[in-house]
Every structure is written in C-alpha cells, then in structure tokens.
Amino acid sequence: MYKLSAMIAEGTVATTENPTGGGIWGILLYMGAFLVIIYFLMIMPQKKRDKKMKQMLSELSVGDLVTSIGGITGTVVNIKDNEITVETSIEKTKIDFLKSAIRDVNTVKS
C-alpha cells in the first residue's frame, strides 16, 4: 500500500480521463461508415437491377420470347399499356400478364 501512495505522489500512476475512446464523434464515424457500406453493398446494386429491368420491359416488342416469374414461357402477341398477351404451347394458348410479371426477355432478331 505504501508503494501505491508513493507512486501517486510521484505522478507515475497512469490515469485515463476518457476510456470510451472518442465519445460521440467515434459513434458518428462508425454509423457513417456503416451507412456508406450498406449503400454500396445493397442499395446501389438494387438500383442497377431495377434500371435494367425497366429498360428491358420498355424495349419489349411483339414476337419476343419471354419467361414469366412463374416459369411460363411463350411469345408476345399483343402489348397494351401495362399488360401483355403471351402465346404458349402448340395449342396457341393465350395468357395475359402484367409487364411486371416478366422475368426474362429473349429478343428475336429479324
């Protein structure tokens, strides 16, 4: 005990005033870095996919081979505002779909 009080008197005992290591600025820095990482890993790629899908649906034309999100494939025979008619199978069955239900388009080159 004598050694500790002597060390305190000499000033050789290390004291820490702020053990948290940065306070509010450290927390804000970590939150900002986290938001930037989330943006580059999640939000930006989703925006690219949405833009590509929107472009694909806007370039859709009669005669294109399409696949729906349910797995139905066929040829586009009619396009309305937000709806398309797809002809499937040998019996030429016609099914109406919303444009948003189209997953993939294979354009037939003339």
PDB file of N, CA and C in Angstrom:
ATOM      1  N   MET A   1       0.812  -1.172   0.000  1.00  0.00           N
ATOM      2  CA  MET A   1       0.000   0.000   0.000  1.00  0.00           C
ATOM      3  C   MET A   1       0.870   1.257   0.000  1.00  0.00           C
ATOM      4  N   TYR A   2       1.995   1.171   0.666  1.00  0.00           N
ATOM      5  CA  TYR A   2       2.898   2.303   0.706  1.00  0.00           C
ATOM      6  C   TYR A   2       3.413   2.632  -0.686  1.00  0.00           C
ATOM      7  N   LYS A   3       3.692   1.583  -1.491  1.00  0.00           N
ATOM      8  CA  LYS A   3       4.210   1.811  -2.839  1.00  0.00           C
ATOM      9  C   LYS A   3       3.197   2.534  -3.716  1.00  0.00           C
ATOM     10  N   LEU A   4       1.913   2.182  -3.604  1.00  0.00           N
ATOM     11  CA  LEU A   4       0.881   2.819  -4.401  1.00  0.00           C
ATOM     12  C   LEU A   4       0.742   4.286  -4.069  1.00  0.00           C
ATOM     13  N   SER A   5       0.733   4.627  -2.781  1.00  0.00           N
ATOM     14  CA  SER A   5       0.610   6.028  -2.396  1.00  0.00           C
ATOM     15  C   SER A   5       1.859   6.813  -2.796  1.00  0.00           C
ATOM     16  N   ALA A   6       3.012   6.162  -2.816  1.00  0.00           N
ATOM     17  CA  ALA A   6       4.234   6.833  -3.253  1.00  0.00           C
ATOM     18  C   ALA A   6       4.201   7.078  -4.749  1.00  0.00           C
ATOM     19  N   MET A   7       3.668   6.104  -5.491  1.00  0.00           N
ATOM     20  CA  MET A   7       3.572   6.266  -6.939  1.00  0.00           C
ATOM     21  C   MET A   7       2.590   7.385  -7.296  1.00  0.00           C
ATOM     22  N   ILE A   8       1.504   7.490  -6.530  1.00  0.00           N
ATOM     23  CA  ILE A   8       0.531   8.556  -6.767  1.00  0.00           C
ATOM     24  C   ILE A   8       1.167   9.908  -6.477  1.00  0.00           C
ATOM     25  N   ALA A   9       1.930   9.986  -5.415  1.00  0.00           N
ATOM     26  CA  ALA A   9       2.587  11.239  -5.052  1.00  0.00           C
ATOM     27  C   ALA A   9       3.605  11.644  -6.100  1.00  0.00           C
ATOM     28  N   GLU A  10       4.300  10.654  -6.701  1.00  0.00           N
ATOM     29  CA  GLU A  10       5.298  10.966  -7.722  1.00  0.00           C
ATOM     30  C   GLU A  10       4.661  11.262  -9.079  1.00  0.00           C
ATOM     31  N   GLY A  11       3.419  10.832  -9.266  1.00  0.00           N
ATOM     32  CA  GLY A  11       2.749  11.072 -10.544  1.00  0.00           C
ATOM     33  C   GLY A  11       3.029  10.012 -11.594  1.00  0.00           C
ATOM     34  N   THR A  12       3.478   8.840 -11.176  1.00  0.00           N
ATOM     35  CA  THR A  12       3.792   7.793 -12.144  1.00  0.00           C
ATOM     36  C   THR A  12       2.623   6.859 -12.423  1.00  0.00           C
ATOM     37  N   VAL A  13       1.525   7.007 -11.727  1.00  0.00           N
ATOM     38  CA  VAL A  13       0.351   6.170 -11.969  1.00  0.00           C
ATOM     39  C   VAL A  13      -0.396   6.755 -13.167  1.00  0.00           C
ATOM     40  N   ALA A  14      -0.657   5.905 -14.163  1.00  0.00           N
ATOM     41  CA  ALA A  14      -1.354   6.364 -15.375  1.00  0.00           C
ATOM     42  C   ALA A  14      -2.842   6.498 -15.097  1.00  0.00           C
ATOM     43  N   THR A  15      -3.382   7.614 -15.508  1.00  0.00           N
ATOM     44  CA  THR A  15      -4.826   7.818 -15.369  1.00  0.00           C
ATOM     45  C   THR A  15      -5.414   8.033 -16.758  1.00  0.00           C
ATOM     46  N   THR A  16      -6.632   7.566 -16.912  1.00  0.00           N
ATOM     47  CA  THR A  16      -7.326   7.775 -18.188  1.00  0.00           C
ATOM     48  C   THR A  16      -8.549   8.619 -17.914  1.00  0.00           C
ATOM     49  N   GLU A  17      -8.676   9.682 -18.674  1.00  0.00           N
ATOM     50  CA  GLU A  17      -9.807  10.574 -18.468  1.00  0.00           C
ATOM     51  C   GLU A  17     -11.041  10.099 -19.236  1.00  0.00           C
ATOM     52  N   ASN A  18     -10.843   9.530 -20.476  1.00  0.00           N
ATOM     53  CA  ASN A  18     -11.970   9.113 -21.298  1.00  0.00           C
ATOM     54  C   ASN A  18     -11.724   7.694 -21.809  1.00  0.00           C
ATOM     55  N   PRO A  19     -12.159   6.689 -21.090  1.00  0.00           N
ATOM     56  CA  PRO A  19     -11.872   5.313 -21.502  1.00  0.00           C
ATOM     57  C   PRO A  19     -12.695   4.838 -22.698  1.00  0.00           C
ATOM     58  N   THR A  20     -13.714   5.589 -23.115  1.00  0.00           N
ATOM     59  CA  THR A  20     -14.552   5.142 -24.236  1.00  0.00           C
ATOM     60  C   THR A  20     -13.857   5.318 -25.567  1.00  0.00           C
ATOM     61  N   GLY A  21     -12.902   6.171 -25.692  1.00  0.00           N
ATOM     62  CA  GLY A  21     -12.092   6.278 -26.894  1.00  0.00           C
ATOM     63  C   GLY A  21     -12.664   7.135 -28.005  1.00  0.00           C
ATOM     64  N   GLY A  22     -13.361   8.180 -27.745  1.00  0.00           N
ATOM     65  CA  GLY A  22     -13.788   9.048 -28.825  1.00  0.00           C
ATOM     66  C   GLY A  22     -15.133   9.700 -28.609  1.00  0.00           C
ATOM     67  N   GLY A  23     -15.910   9.182 -27.746  1.00  0.00           N
ATOM     68  CA  GLY A  23     -17.194   9.792 -27.447  1.00  0.00           C
ATOM     69  C   GLY A  23     -18.139   9.783 -28.631  1.00  0.00           C
ATOM     70  N   ILE A  24     -18.867  10.867 -28.772  1.00  0.00           N
ATOM     71  CA  ILE A  24     -19.919  10.967 -29.788  1.00  0.00           C
ATOM     72  C   ILE A  24     -19.352  10.962 -31.210  1.00  0.00           C
ATOM     73  N   TRP A  25     -18.169  11.530 -31.417  1.00  0.00           N
ATOM     74  CA  TRP A  25     -17.597  11.584 -32.762  1.00  0.00           C
ATOM     75  C   TRP A  25     -17.205  10.196 -33.265  1.00  0.00           C
ATOM     76  N   GLY A  26     -16.749   9.360 -32.370  1.00  0.00           N
ATOM     77  CA  GLY A  26     -16.427   7.987 -32.748  1.00  0.00           C
ATOM     78  C   GLY A  26     -17.670   7.217 -33.169  1.00  0.00           C
ATOM     79  N   ILE A  27     -18.740   7.404 -32.429  1.00  0.00           N
ATOM     80  CA  ILE A  27     -20.002   6.736 -32.760  1.00  0.00           C
ATOM     81  C   ILE A  27     -20.532   7.221 -34.101  1.00  0.00           C
ATOM     82  N   LEU A  28     -20.496   8.539 -34.305  1.00  0.00           N
ATOM     83  CA  LEU A  28     -20.967   9.094 -35.581  1.00  0.00           C
ATOM     84  C   LEU A  28     -20.121   8.609 -36.750  1.00  0.00           C
ATOM     85  N   LEU A  29     -18.827   8.481 -36.534  1.00  0.00           N
ATOM     86  CA  LEU A  29     -17.940   7.988 -37.589  1.00  0.00           C
ATOM     87  C   LEU A  29     -18.276   6.545 -37.950  1.00  0.00           C
ATOM     88  N   TYR A  30     -18.496   5.703 -36.944  1.00  0.00           N
ATOM     89  CA  TYR A  30     -18.856   4.307 -37.207  1.00  0.00           C
ATOM     90  C   TYR A  30     -20.221   4.191 -37.886  1.00  0.00           C
ATOM     91  N   MET A  31     -21.183   4.997 -37.470  1.00  0.00           N
ATOM     92  CA  MET A  31     -22.506   4.966 -38.098  1.00  0.00           C
ATOM     93  C   MET A  31     -22.432   5.424 -39.547  1.00  0.00           C
ATOM     94  N   GLY A  32     -21.660   6.465 -39.800  1.00  0.00           N
ATOM     95  CA  GLY A  32     -21.497   6.951 -41.173  1.00  0.00           C
ATOM     96  C   GLY A  32     -20.828   5.909 -42.055  1.00  0.00           C
ATOM     97  N   ALA A  33     -19.796   5.262 -41.547  1.00  0.00           N
ATOM     98  CA  ALA A  33     -19.115   4.212 -42.313  1.00  0.00           C
ATOM     99  C   ALA A  33     -20.058   3.049 -42.577  1.00  0.00           C
ATOM    100  N   PHE A  34     -20.868   2.693 -41.601  1.00  0.00           N
ATOM    101  CA  PHE A  34     -21.833   1.614 -41.768  1.00  0.00           C
ATOM    102  C   PHE A  34     -22.857   1.955 -42.850  1.00  0.00           C
ATOM    103  N   LEU A  35     -23.361   3.187 -42.855  1.00  0.00           N
ATOM    104  CA  LEU A  35     -24.337   3.601 -43.867  1.00  0.00           C
ATOM    105  C   LEU A  35     -23.729   3.603 -45.272  1.00  0.00           C
ATOM    106  N   VAL A  36     -22.485   4.014 -45.382  1.00  0.00           N
ATOM    107  CA  VAL A  36     -21.816   4.001 -46.686  1.00  0.00           C
ATOM    108  C   VAL A  36     -21.646   2.566 -47.177  1.00  0.00           C
ATOM    109  N   ILE A  37     -21.268   1.665 -46.301  1.00  0.00           N
ATOM    110  CA  ILE A  37     -21.105   0.254 -46.682  1.00  0.00           C
ATOM    111  C   ILE A  37     -22.440  -0.336 -47.108  1.00  0.00           C
ATOM    112  N   ILE A  38     -23.504  -0.067 -46.370  1.00  0.00           N
ATOM    113  CA  ILE A  38     -24.842  -0.565 -46.721  1.00  0.00           C
ATOM    114  C   ILE A  38     -25.258  -0.027 -48.080  1.00  0.00           C
ATOM    115  N   TYR A  39     -24.984   1.248 -48.358  1.00  0.00           N
ATOM    116  CA  TYR A  39     -25.350   1.833 -49.640  1.00  0.00           C
ATOM    117  C   TYR A  39     -24.648   1.103 -50.788  1.00  0.00           C
ATOM    118  N   PHE A  40     -23.350   0.882 -50.671  1.00  0.00           N
ATOM    119  CA  PHE A  40     -22.602   0.261 -51.764  1.00  0.00           C
ATOM    120  C   PHE A  40     -22.870  -1.233 -51.898  1.00  0.00           C
ATOM    121  N   LEU A  41     -23.248  -1.911 -50.832  1.00  0.00           N
ATOM    122  CA  LEU A  41     -23.478  -3.349 -50.901  1.00  0.00           C
ATOM    123  C   LEU A  41     -24.930  -3.722 -51.201  1.00  0.00           C
ATOM    124  N   MET A  42     -25.885  -2.851 -50.862  1.00  0.00           N
ATOM    125  CA  MET A  42     -27.283  -3.227 -51.014  1.00  0.00           C
ATOM    126  C   MET A  42     -28.082  -2.291 -51.911  1.00  0.00           C
ATOM    127  N   ILE A  43     -28.025  -1.019 -51.669  1.00  0.00           N
ATOM    128  CA  ILE A  43     -28.904  -0.082 -52.362  1.00  0.00           C
ATOM    129  C   ILE A  43     -28.463   0.144 -53.800  1.00  0.00           C
ATOM    130  N   MET A  44     -27.185   0.375 -54.027  1.00  0.00           N
ATOM    131  CA  MET A  44     -26.701   0.653 -55.383  1.00  0.00           C
ATOM    132  C   MET A  44     -26.913  -0.525 -56.343  1.00  0.00           C
ATOM    133  N   PRO A  45     -26.587  -1.758 -55.967  1.00  0.00           N
ATOM    134  CA  PRO A  45     -26.854  -2.874 -56.879  1.00  0.00           C
ATOM    135  C   PRO A  45     -28.342  -3.066 -57.179  1.00  0.00           C
ATOM    136  N   GLN A  46     -29.213  -2.816 -56.196  1.00  0.00           N
ATOM    137  CA  GLN A  46     -30.648  -2.954 -56.433  1.00  0.00           C
ATOM    138  C   GLN A  46     -31.139  -1.899 -57.414  1.00  0.00           C
ATOM    139  N   LYS A  47     -30.619  -0.688 -57.319  1.00  0.00           N
ATOM    140  CA  LYS A  47     -30.987   0.357 -58.270  1.00  0.00           C
ATOM    141  C   LYS A  47     -30.563  -0.018 -59.685  1.00  0.00           C
ATOM    142  N   LYS A  48     -29.387  -0.629 -59.823  1.00  0.00           N
ATOM    143  CA  LYS A  48     -28.921  -1.060 -61.145  1.00  0.00           C
ATOM    144  C   LYS A  48     -29.824  -2.136 -61.716  1.00  0.00           C
ATOM    145  N   ARG A  49     -30.222  -3.104 -60.875  1.00  0.00           N
ATOM    146  CA  ARG A  49     -31.126  -4.171 -61.339  1.00  0.00           C
ATOM    147  C   ARG A  49     -32.474  -3.601 -61.754  1.00  0.00           C
ATOM    148  N   ASP A  50     -33.008  -2.668 -60.961  1.00  0.00           N
ATOM    149  CA  ASP A  50     -34.297  -2.054 -61.291  1.00  0.00           C
ATOM    150  C   ASP A  50     -34.233  -1.285 -62.604  1.00  0.00           C
ATOM    151  N   LYS A  51     -33.147  -0.559 -62.813  1.00  0.00           N
ATOM    152  CA  LYS A  51     -32.983   0.207 -64.048  1.00  0.00           C
ATOM    153  C   LYS A  51     -32.898  -0.725 -65.257  1.00  0.00           C
ATOM    154  N   LYS A  52     -32.153  -1.825 -65.121  1.00  0.00           N
ATOM    155  CA  LYS A  52     -32.013  -2.792 -66.204  1.00  0.00           C
ATOM    156  C   LYS A  52     -33.364  -3.445 -66.522  1.00  0.00           C
ATOM    157  N   MET A  53     -34.129  -3.800 -65.495  1.00  0.00           N
ATOM    158  CA  MET A  53     -35.444  -4.420 -65.688  1.00  0.00           C
ATOM    159  C   MET A  53     -36.410  -3.455 -66.357  1.00  0.00           C
ATOM    160  N   LYS A  54     -36.392  -2.204 -65.943  1.00  0.00           N
ATOM    161  CA  LYS A  54     -37.272  -1.199 -66.535  1.00  0.00           C
ATOM    162  C   LYS A  54     -36.948  -0.996 -68.011  1.00  0.00           C
ATOM    163  N   GLN A  55     -35.670  -0.964 -68.346  1.00  0.00           N
ATOM    164  CA  GLN A  55     -35.256  -0.813 -69.734  1.00  0.00           C
ATOM    165  C   GLN A  55     -35.674  -2.037 -70.556  1.00  0.00           C
ATOM    166  N   MET A  56     -35.519  -3.225 -69.997  1.00  0.00           N
ATOM    167  CA  MET A  56     -35.888  -4.452 -70.695  1.00  0.00           C
ATOM    168  C   MET A  56     -37.388  -4.463 -70.997  1.00  0.00           C
ATOM    169  N   LEU A  57     -38.214  -4.050 -70.042  1.00  0.00           N
ATOM    170  CA  LEU A  57     -39.655  -4.042 -70.255  1.00  0.00           C
ATOM    171  C   LEU A  57     -40.100  -2.949 -71.215  1.00  0.00           C
ATOM    172  N   SER A  58     -39.383  -1.843 -71.241  1.00  0.00           N
ATOM    173  CA  SER A  58     -39.752  -0.769 -72.170  1.00  0.00           C
ATOM    174  C   SER A  58     -39.389  -1.126 -73.610  1.00  0.00           C
ATOM    175  N   GLU A  59     -38.397  -1.994 -73.805  1.00  0.00           N
ATOM    176  CA  GLU A  59     -37.984  -2.401 -75.146  1.00  0.00           C
ATOM    177  C   GLU A  59     -38.708  -3.663 -75.615  1.00  0.00           C
ATOM    178  N   LEU A  60     -39.663  -4.159 -74.834  1.00  0.00           N
ATOM    179  CA  LEU A  60     -40.413  -5.362 -75.176  1.00  0.00           C
ATOM    180  C   LEU A  60     -41.233  -5.126 -76.440  1.00  0.00           C
ATOM    181  N   SER A  61     -41.217  -6.092 -77.369  1.00  0.00           N
ATOM    182  CA  SER A  61     -41.972  -5.939 -78.608  1.00  0.00           C
ATOM    183  C   SER A  61     -42.655  -7.254 -78.975  1.00  0.00           C
ATOM    184  N   VAL A  62     -43.608  -7.175 -79.877  1.00  0.00           N
ATOM    185  CA  VAL A  62     -44.340  -8.351 -80.341  1.00  0.00           C
ATOM    186  C   VAL A  62     -43.357  -9.303 -81.030  1.00  0.00           C
ATOM    187  N   GLY A  63     -43.462 -10.588 -80.691  1.00  0.00           N
ATOM    188  CA  GLY A  63     -42.583 -11.598 -81.266  1.00  0.00           C
ATOM    189  C   GLY A  63     -41.443 -12.004 -80.356  1.00  0.00           C
ATOM    190  N   ASP A  64     -41.217 -11.272 -79.261  1.00  0.00           N
ATOM    191  CA  ASP A  64     -40.151 -11.620 -78.314  1.00  0.00           C
ATOM    192  C   ASP A  64     -40.544 -12.859 -77.517  1.00  0.00           C
ATOM    193  N   LEU A  65     -39.557 -13.673 -77.190  1.00  0.00           N
ATOM    194  CA  LEU A  65     -39.770 -14.824 -76.323  1.00  0.00           C
ATOM    195  C   LEU A  65     -39.572 -14.360 -74.885  1.00  0.00           C
ATOM    196  N   VAL A  66     -40.564 -14.616 -74.031  1.00  0.00           N
ATOM    197  CA  VAL A  66     -40.500 -14.146 -72.648  1.00  0.00           C
ATOM    198  C   VAL A  66     -40.681 -15.311 -71.683  1.00  0.00           C
ATOM    199  N   THR A  67     -40.175 -15.117 -70.471  1.00  0.00           N
ATOM    200  CA  THR A  67     -40.378 -16.055 -69.381  1.00  0.00           C
ATOM    201  C   THR A  67     -40.968 -15.270 -68.217  1.00  0.00           C
ATOM    202  N   SER A  68     -42.059 -15.773 -67.655  1.00  0.00           N
ATOM    203  CA  SER A  68     -42.693 -15.087 -66.529  1.00  0.00           C
ATOM    204  C   SER A  68     -42.002 -15.475 -65.230  1.00  0.00           C
ATOM    205  N   ILE A  69     -42.350 -14.785 -64.153  1.00  0.00           N
ATOM    206  CA  ILE A  69     -41.771 -15.107 -62.856  1.00  0.00           C
ATOM    207  C   ILE A  69     -42.275 -16.455 -62.350  1.00  0.00           C
ATOM    208  N   GLY A  70     -43.354 -16.964 -62.944  1.00  0.00           N
ATOM    209  CA  GLY A  70     -43.874 -18.274 -62.576  1.00  0.00           C
ATOM    210  C   GLY A  70     -43.290 -19.392 -63.420  1.00  0.00           C
ATOM    211  N   GLY A  71     -42.469 -19.043 -64.413  1.00  0.00           N
ATOM    212  CA  GLY A  71     -41.815 -20.040 -65.249  1.00  0.00           C
ATOM    213  C   GLY A  71     -42.523 -20.336 -66.558  1.00  0.00           C
ATOM    214  N   ILE A  72     -43.580 -19.617 -66.859  1.00  0.00           N
ATOM    215  CA  ILE A  72     -44.304 -19.823 -68.118  1.00  0.00           C
ATOM    216  C   ILE A  72     -43.549 -19.099 -69.230  1.00  0.00           C
ATOM    217  N   THR A  73     -43.275 -19.819 -70.319  1.00  0.00           N
ATOM    218  CA  THR A  73     -42.577 -19.222 -71.460  1.00  0.00           C
ATOM    219  C   THR A  73     -43.518 -19.140 -72.642  1.00  0.00           C
ATOM    220  N   GLY A  74     -43.273 -18.177 -73.496  1.00  0.00           N
ATOM    221  CA  GLY A  74     -44.096 -18.027 -74.683  1.00  0.00           C
ATOM    222  C   GLY A  74     -43.663 -16.836 -75.502  1.00  0.00           C
ATOM    223  N   THR A  75     -44.430 -16.568 -76.541  1.00  0.00           N
ATOM    224  CA  THR A  75     -44.143 -15.488 -77.470  1.00  0.00           C
ATOM    225  C   THR A  75     -45.145 -14.364 -77.258  1.00  0.00           C
ATOM    226  N   VAL A  76     -44.679 -13.137 -77.246  1.00  0.00           N
ATOM    227  CA  VAL A  76     -45.546 -11.972 -77.072  1.00  0.00           C
ATOM    228  C   VAL A  76     -46.342 -11.765 -78.356  1.00  0.00           C
ATOM    229  N   VAL A  77     -47.685 -11.683 -78.226  1.00  0.00           N
ATOM    230  CA  VAL A  77     -48.535 -11.442 -79.395  1.00  0.00           C
ATOM    231  C   VAL A  77     -49.249 -10.111 -79.334  1.00  0.00           C
ATOM    232  N   ASN A  78     -49.351  -9.507 -78.135  1.00  0.00           N
ATOM    233  CA  ASN A  78     -50.030  -8.226 -78.011  1.00  0.00           C
ATOM    234  C   ASN A  78     -49.471  -7.488 -76.811  1.00  0.00           C
ATOM    235  N   ILE A  79     -49.295  -6.172 -76.953  1.00  0.00           N
ATOM    236  CA  ILE A  79     -48.807  -5.341 -75.852  1.00  0.00           C
ATOM    237  C   ILE A  79     -49.779  -4.192 -75.661  1.00  0.00           C
ATOM    238  N   LYS A  80     -50.304  -4.067 -74.437  1.00  0.00           N
ATOM    239  CA  LYS A  80     -51.137  -2.924 -74.067  1.00  0.00           C
ATOM    240  C   LYS A  80     -50.316  -2.059 -73.121  1.00  0.00           C
ATOM    241  N   ASP A  81     -50.942  -1.137 -72.443  1.00  0.00           N
ATOM    242  CA  ASP A  81     -50.216  -0.226 -71.561  1.00  0.00           C
ATOM    243  C   ASP A  81     -49.338  -0.962 -70.558  1.00  0.00           C
ATOM    244  N   ASN A  82     -49.948  -1.686 -69.645  1.00  0.00           N
ATOM    245  CA  ASN A  82     -49.204  -2.378 -68.603  1.00  0.00           C
ATOM    246  C   ASN A  82     -49.442  -3.882 -68.657  1.00  0.00           C
ATOM    247  N   GLU A  83     -49.969  -4.360 -69.750  1.00  0.00           N
ATOM    248  CA  GLU A  83     -50.355  -5.753 -69.879  1.00  0.00           C
ATOM    249  C   GLU A  83     -49.871  -6.304 -71.213  1.00  0.00           C
ATOM    250  N   ILE A  84     -49.443  -7.557 -71.208  1.00  0.00           N
ATOM    251  CA  ILE A  84     -49.049  -8.204 -72.459  1.00  0.00           C
ATOM    252  C   ILE A  84     -49.791  -9.529 -72.586  1.00  0.00           C
ATOM    253  N   THR A  85     -49.961  -9.975 -73.819  1.00  0.00           N
ATOM    254  CA  THR A  85     -50.564 -11.274 -74.083  1.00  0.00           C
ATOM    255  C   THR A  85     -49.471 -12.179 -74.626  1.00  0.00           C
ATOM    256  N   VAL A  86     -49.343 -13.361 -74.006  1.00  0.00           N
ATOM    257  CA  VAL A  86     -48.305 -14.313 -74.375  1.00  0.00           C
ATOM    258  C   VAL A  86     -48.979 -15.561 -74.933  1.00  0.00           C
ATOM    259  N   GLU A  87     -48.456 -16.038 -76.053  1.00  0.00           N
ATOM    260  CA  GLU A  87     -48.957 -17.263 -76.670  1.00  0.00           C
ATOM    261  C   GLU A  87     -48.011 -18.395 -76.292  1.00  0.00           C
ATOM    262  N   THR A  88     -48.578 -19.465 -75.702  1.00  0.00           N
ATOM    263  CA  THR A  88     -47.767 -20.584 -75.253  1.00  0.00           C
ATOM    264  C   THR A  88     -48.224 -21.872 -75.915  1.00  0.00           C
ATOM    265  N   SER A  89     -47.392 -22.848 -75.938  1.00  0.00           N
ATOM    266  CA  SER A  89     -47.638 -24.224 -76.375  1.00  0.00           C
ATOM    267  C   SER A  89     -48.065 -24.349 -77.834  1.00  0.00           C
ATOM    268  N   ILE A  90     -48.216 -25.575 -78.242  1.00  0.00           N
ATOM    269  CA  ILE A  90     -48.608 -25.875 -79.622  1.00  0.00           C
ATOM    270  C   ILE A  90     -50.063 -25.488 -79.861  1.00  0.00           C
ATOM    271  N   GLU A  91     -50.902 -25.572 -78.821  1.00  0.00           N
ATOM    272  CA  GLU A  91     -52.322 -25.226 -78.960  1.00  0.00           C
ATOM    273  C   GLU A  91     -52.550 -23.722 -79.036  1.00  0.00           C
ATOM    274  N   LYS A  92     -51.493 -22.952 -78.974  1.00  0.00           N
ATOM    275  CA  LYS A  92     -51.543 -21.487 -79.063  1.00  0.00           C
ATOM    276  C   LYS A  92     -52.450 -20.866 -77.994  1.00  0.00           C
ATOM    277  N   THR A  93     -52.260 -21.329 -76.778  1.00  0.00           N
ATOM    278  CA  THR A  93     -52.990 -20.787 -75.640  1.00  0.00           C
ATOM    279  C   THR A  93     -52.489 -19.374 -75.372  1.00  0.00           C
ATOM    280  N   LYS A  94     -53.412 -18.447 -75.171  1.00  0.00           N
ATOM    281  CA  LYS A  94     -53.048 -17.052 -74.912  1.00  0.00           C
ATOM    282  C   LYS A  94     -53.297 -16.726 -73.443  1.00  0.00           C
ATOM    283  N   ILE A  95     -52.287 -16.153 -72.816  1.00  0.00           N
ATOM    284  CA  ILE A  95     -52.349 -15.780 -71.402  1.00  0.00           C
ATOM    285  C   ILE A  95     -51.980 -14.316 -71.277  1.00  0.00           C
ATOM    286  N   ASP A  96     -52.765 -13.578 -70.486  1.00  0.00           N
ATOM    287  CA  ASP A  96     -52.462 -12.171 -70.222  1.00  0.00           C
ATOM    288  C   ASP A  96     -51.616 -12.055 -68.956  1.00  0.00           C
ATOM    289  N   PHE A  97     -50.580 -11.236 -69.022  1.00  0.00           N
ATOM    290  CA  PHE A  97     -49.685 -10.978 -67.892  1.00  0.00           C
ATOM    291  C   PHE A  97     -49.525  -9.478 -67.713  1.00  0.00           C
ATOM    292  N   LEU A  98     -49.237  -9.079 -66.494  1.00  0.00           N
ATOM    293  CA  LEU A  98     -48.762  -7.721 -66.265  1.00  0.00           C
ATOM    294  C   LEU A  98     -47.298  -7.668 -66.695  1.00  0.00           C
ATOM    295  N   LYS A  99     -46.854  -6.527 -67.140  1.00  0.00           N
ATOM    296  CA  LYS A  99     -45.442  -6.406 -67.548  1.00  0.00           C
ATOM    297  C   LYS A  99     -44.503  -6.702 -66.386  1.00  0.00           C
ATOM    298  N   SER A 100     -44.917  -6.380 -65.185  1.00  0.00           N
ATOM    299  CA  SER A 100     -44.058  -6.606 -64.025  1.00  0.00           C
ATOM    300  C   SER A 100     -43.875  -8.092 -63.714  1.00  0.00           C
ATOM    301  N   ALA A 101     -44.685  -8.969 -64.328  1.00  0.00           N
ATOM    302  CA  ALA A 101     -44.563 -10.408 -64.094  1.00  0.00           C
ATOM    303  C   ALA A 101     -43.579 -11.064 -65.053  1.00  0.00           C
ATOM    304  N   ILE A 102     -42.947 -10.291 -65.920  1.00  0.00           N
ATOM    305  CA  ILE A 102     -41.974 -10.837 -66.875  1.00  0.00           C
ATOM    306  C   ILE A 102     -40.600 -10.803 -66.236  1.00  0.00           C
ATOM    307  N   ARG A 103     -39.923 -11.955 -66.234  1.00  0.00           N
ATOM    308  CA  ARG A 103     -38.597 -12.069 -65.635  1.00  0.00           C
ATOM    309  C   ARG A 103     -37.494 -11.933 -66.661  1.00  0.00           C
ATOM    310  N   ASP A 104     -37.698 -12.500 -67.864  1.00  0.00           N
ATOM    311  CA  ASP A 104     -36.627 -12.555 -68.852  1.00  0.00           C
ATOM    312  C   ASP A 104     -37.205 -12.364 -70.239  1.00  0.00           C
ATOM    313  N   VAL A 105     -36.468 -11.653 -71.088  1.00  0.00           N
ATOM    314  CA  VAL A 105     -36.894 -11.412 -72.471  1.00  0.00           C
ATOM    315  C   VAL A 105     -35.760 -11.838 -73.391  1.00  0.00           C
ATOM    316  N   ASN A 106     -36.091 -12.673 -74.359  1.00  0.00           N
ATOM    317  CA  ASN A 106     -35.147 -13.050 -75.413  1.00  0.00           C
ATOM    318  C   ASN A 106     -35.653 -12.444 -76.712  1.00  0.00           C
ATOM    319  N   THR A 107     -35.012 -11.398 -77.172  1.00  0.00           N
ATOM    320  CA  THR A 107     -35.438 -10.699 -78.364  1.00  0.00           C
ATOM    321  C   THR A 107     -35.128 -11.523 -79.587  1.00  0.00           C
ATOM    322  N   VAL A 108     -36.125 -11.673 -80.456  1.00  0.00           N
ATOM    323  CA  VAL A 108     -35.955 -12.403 -81.708  1.00  0.00           C
ATOM    324  C   VAL A 108     -35.448 -11.408 -82.739  1.00  0.00           C
ATOM    325  N   LYS A 109     -34.292 -11.706 -83.319  1.00  0.00           N
ATOM    326  CA  LYS A 109     -33.707 -10.805 -84.317  1.00  0.00           C
ATOM    327  C   LYS A 109     -34.245 -11.170 -85.687  1.00  0.00           C
ATOM    328  N   SER A 110     -34.728 -10.173 -86.424  1.00  0.00           N
ATOM    329  CA  SER A 110     -35.293 -10.410 -87.748  1.00  0.00           C
ATOM    330  C   SER A 110     -34.230 -10.395 -88.810  1.00  0.00           C
TER     331      SER A 110
END
